[in-house]
């Protein structure tokens, strides 16, 4: 299976690539150049450009902005960059994925979307997120909405993974399951086991 992982400059993506490469062919992409042992394709995630989704079976989108040496699409404000990346760039990636007939898309979000509610609740994936106005959290919340709209069309299977305070192995295991899922839409919370 051919797997494309975005946010190549992050430790999370590098570790996911290492873990998934044991049983899949892995490519990485990001907005900026990256040194890696895996095949790397730089992409600006614009709708005018060709996104690296050809011959890809599954996409893992940690949706983390790299440190940029120049503004993203002429957007200087970091909060607006985060919002643009999580919405427009995720949309462009999903649109290209549907056109290329990619079967699965995994969006890595966060359990922090519920932190305003406190720690004393048992949250299921059916709970609505309750993000603060912190730009990164609001951007992730909106990124999930973009994914949900594509899932409603039924042209690509979409999994939202919301990791809490869990190990990298837990995230890698959940991603490995999600990229082969036949579920058209699912949200999975990854939380530390009690005990």
Protein backbone atom coordinates (compact mmCIF):
# COMPACT_ATOMS: atom_id res chain seq x y z
CA UNK A 1 0.00 0.00 0.00
CA UNK A 2 1.27 3.48 -0.92
CA UNK A 3 0.93 5.93 1.99
CA UNK A 4 1.53 9.68 1.86
CA UNK A 5 2.24 11.47 5.15
CA UNK A 6 2.10 15.26 5.37
CA UNK A 7 3.94 17.52 7.84
CA UNK A 8 7.22 15.75 7.04
CA UNK A 9 9.30 18.14 9.16
CA UNK A 10 7.59 17.03 12.38
CA UNK A 11 8.87 14.29 14.67
CA UNK A 12 5.38 12.76 14.63
CA UNK A 13 5.40 12.33 10.84
CA UNK A 14 8.95 10.99 10.81
CA UNK A 15 8.04 8.38 13.43
CA UNK A 16 4.80 7.48 11.64
CA UNK A 17 6.80 7.01 8.44
CA UNK A 18 9.28 4.73 10.19
CA UNK A 19 6.51 2.65 11.78
CA UNK A 20 4.34 2.40 8.65
CA UNK A 21 7.31 1.62 6.40
CA UNK A 22 7.54 -1.81 8.03
CA UNK A 23 4.51 -2.89 5.98
CA UNK A 24 3.78 -0.08 3.48
CA UNK A 25 5.55 2.11 0.94
CA UNK A 26 5.77 5.59 2.47
CA UNK A 27 6.23 9.03 0.94
CA UNK A 28 6.43 12.32 2.81
CA UNK A 29 5.39 15.83 1.86
CA UNK A 30 5.47 19.27 3.45
CA UNK A 31 5.37 22.97 2.62
CA UNK A 32 9.12 23.27 3.14
CA UNK A 33 12.09 21.09 2.24
CA UNK A 34 12.95 18.30 4.62
CA UNK A 35 15.87 15.93 5.16
CA UNK A 36 14.54 12.39 5.44
CA UNK A 37 15.38 8.81 4.53
CA UNK A 38 12.00 8.48 2.81
CA UNK A 39 10.91 9.70 -0.58
CA UNK A 40 10.01 13.37 -0.15
CA UNK A 41 7.92 15.62 -2.38
CA UNK A 42 7.58 19.30 -1.55
CA UNK A 43 4.07 20.67 -2.01
CA UNK A 44 2.45 24.02 -1.27
CA UNK A 45 -1.05 22.45 -1.01
CA UNK A 46 -2.49 25.07 -3.37
CA UNK A 47 -5.29 24.19 -5.75
CA UNK A 48 -3.24 25.46 -8.69
CA UNK A 49 -0.38 23.07 -8.02
CA UNK A 50 -0.20 19.36 -8.55
CA UNK A 51 -0.50 17.66 -5.19
CA UNK A 52 1.54 14.45 -4.68
CA UNK A 53 -1.45 12.07 -4.47
CA UNK A 54 -1.08 10.11 -7.71
CA UNK A 55 -0.87 6.33 -7.06
CA UNK A 56 -1.47 6.87 -3.33
CA UNK A 57 -3.81 4.53 -1.44
CA UNK A 58 -3.99 6.38 1.89
CA UNK A 59 -3.05 9.80 3.24
CA UNK A 60 -2.12 10.61 6.81
CA UNK A 61 -2.50 14.32 7.51
CA UNK A 62 -1.07 15.39 10.89
CA UNK A 63 -1.91 18.90 9.69
CA UNK A 64 0.90 20.68 11.45
CA UNK A 65 2.37 23.81 9.97
CA UNK A 66 6.15 23.81 9.72
CA UNK A 67 8.20 26.80 10.74
CA UNK A 68 8.00 28.98 7.66
CA UNK A 69 10.71 31.32 6.47
CA UNK A 70 8.18 33.22 4.37
CA UNK A 71 4.43 33.86 4.71
CA UNK A 72 2.00 31.13 3.70
CA UNK A 73 0.10 32.47 0.67
CA UNK A 74 1.03 36.04 1.63
CA UNK A 75 -0.56 35.61 5.08
CA UNK A 76 1.74 37.12 7.68
CA UNK A 77 -0.33 36.61 10.85
CA UNK A 78 0.44 33.15 12.40
CA UNK A 79 -3.17 32.69 13.55
CA UNK A 80 -4.47 33.26 10.03
CA UNK A 81 -1.76 30.96 8.64
CA UNK A 82 -2.99 28.16 10.92
CA UNK A 83 -6.60 28.72 9.90
CA UNK A 84 -5.69 28.81 6.21
CA UNK A 85 -3.60 25.67 6.44
CA UNK A 86 -6.20 23.65 8.35
CA UNK A 87 -9.08 24.70 6.10
CA UNK A 88 -8.01 25.63 2.57
CA UNK A 89 -4.94 23.42 2.38
CA UNK A 90 -6.79 20.44 3.90
CA UNK A 91 -9.62 21.06 1.42
CA UNK A 92 -7.15 21.13 -1.50
CA UNK A 93 -5.51 17.91 -0.30
CA UNK A 94 -8.88 16.18 0.07
CA UNK A 95 -10.11 17.41 -3.32
CA UNK A 96 -6.97 16.11 -5.02
CA UNK A 97 -7.32 12.83 -3.09
CA UNK A 98 -10.89 12.32 -4.28
CA UNK A 99 -9.88 13.08 -7.88
CA UNK A 100 -6.98 10.59 -7.62
CA UNK A 101 -9.29 7.98 -6.03
CA UNK A 102 -7.33 7.72 -2.80
CA UNK A 103 -9.27 5.30 -0.60
CA UNK A 104 -8.48 6.54 2.94
CA UNK A 105 -7.67 9.87 4.56
CA UNK A 106 -6.60 10.13 8.21
CA UNK A 107 -6.75 13.55 9.87
CA UNK A 108 -4.84 13.84 13.13
CA UNK A 109 -6.65 16.26 15.38
CA UNK A 110 -6.42 16.54 19.17
CA UNK A 111 -8.33 15.82 22.36
CA UNK A 112 -7.46 19.37 23.37
CA UNK A 113 -10.63 20.37 21.51
CA UNK A 114 -12.42 19.37 24.73
CA UNK A 115 -10.08 20.88 27.34
CA UNK A 116 -12.53 23.71 28.05
CA UNK A 117 -14.89 21.07 29.50
CA UNK A 118 -12.45 19.92 32.19
CA UNK A 119 -10.93 16.55 33.06
CA UNK A 120 -13.80 14.93 34.92
CA UNK A 121 -15.85 13.81 31.90
CA UNK A 122 -15.75 10.62 29.89
CA UNK A 123 -15.88 11.86 26.31
CA UNK A 124 -17.01 9.69 23.44
CA UNK A 125 -16.49 10.53 19.76
CA UNK A 126 -20.17 11.51 19.61
CA UNK A 127 -19.50 14.57 21.77
CA UNK A 128 -19.30 17.86 19.92
CA UNK A 129 -15.97 19.57 20.19
CA UNK A 130 -15.78 22.67 22.33
CA UNK A 131 -12.65 24.51 21.19
CA UNK A 132 -11.36 27.69 22.68
CA UNK A 133 -10.50 30.61 20.43
CA UNK A 134 -6.82 29.66 20.57
CA UNK A 135 -5.91 29.78 16.86
CA UNK A 136 -4.35 26.31 16.65
CA UNK A 137 -7.33 24.66 18.34
CA UNK A 138 -9.90 26.60 16.37
CA UNK A 139 -8.02 25.72 13.18
CA UNK A 140 -8.05 21.99 14.04
CA UNK A 141 -11.77 22.21 14.79
CA UNK A 142 -12.39 23.76 11.37
CA UNK A 143 -10.11 21.20 9.71
CA UNK A 144 -12.34 18.46 11.12
CA UNK A 145 -15.35 20.18 9.56
CA UNK A 146 -13.66 20.17 6.15
CA UNK A 147 -13.05 16.44 6.51
CA UNK A 148 -16.63 15.79 7.57
CA UNK A 149 -18.00 17.54 4.49
CA UNK A 150 -15.90 15.33 2.23
CA UNK A 151 -17.01 12.24 4.16
CA UNK A 152 -20.63 13.20 3.50
CA UNK A 153 -19.99 12.92 -0.22
CA UNK A 154 -18.91 9.29 0.28
CA UNK A 155 -16.02 9.40 -2.19
CA UNK A 156 -13.25 8.78 0.34
CA UNK A 157 -13.09 7.05 3.73
CA UNK A 158 -12.15 9.55 6.42
CA UNK A 159 -10.92 8.89 9.93
CA UNK A 160 -10.42 11.63 12.49
CA UNK A 161 -7.95 10.58 15.19
CA UNK A 162 -7.96 12.71 18.33
CA UNK A 163 -4.89 11.77 20.37
CA UNK A 164 -4.74 12.83 24.00
CA UNK A 165 -1.72 12.15 26.18
CA UNK A 166 -0.75 8.87 24.57
CA UNK A 167 2.43 7.25 23.35
CA UNK A 168 3.73 7.44 19.80
CA UNK A 169 3.13 3.69 19.55
CA UNK A 170 -0.57 4.20 20.30
CA UNK A 171 -0.84 6.83 17.58
CA UNK A 172 1.08 4.69 15.06
CA UNK A 173 -1.12 1.68 15.79
CA UNK A 174 -4.31 3.72 15.36
CA UNK A 175 -3.03 5.21 12.09
CA UNK A 176 -2.09 1.74 10.79
CA UNK A 177 -5.65 0.56 11.43
CA UNK A 178 -7.25 3.72 10.01
CA UNK A 179 -5.43 3.62 6.66
CA UNK A 180 -6.99 0.24 5.91
CA UNK A 181 -10.45 0.96 7.33
CA UNK A 182 -13.58 0.43 5.28
CA UNK A 183 -15.56 2.89 7.42
CA UNK A 184 -16.67 5.91 5.38
CA UNK A 185 -16.54 8.18 8.46
CA UNK A 186 -15.20 7.62 11.94
CA UNK A 187 -13.84 9.60 14.85
CA UNK A 188 -11.54 7.81 17.25
CA UNK A 189 -10.37 9.17 20.60
CA UNK A 190 -6.94 8.02 21.68
CA UNK A 191 -6.69 8.44 25.41
CA UNK A 192 -4.46 7.03 28.09
CA UNK A 193 -5.94 3.89 29.58
CA UNK A 194 -7.09 4.26 33.17
CA UNK A 195 -5.40 2.05 35.68
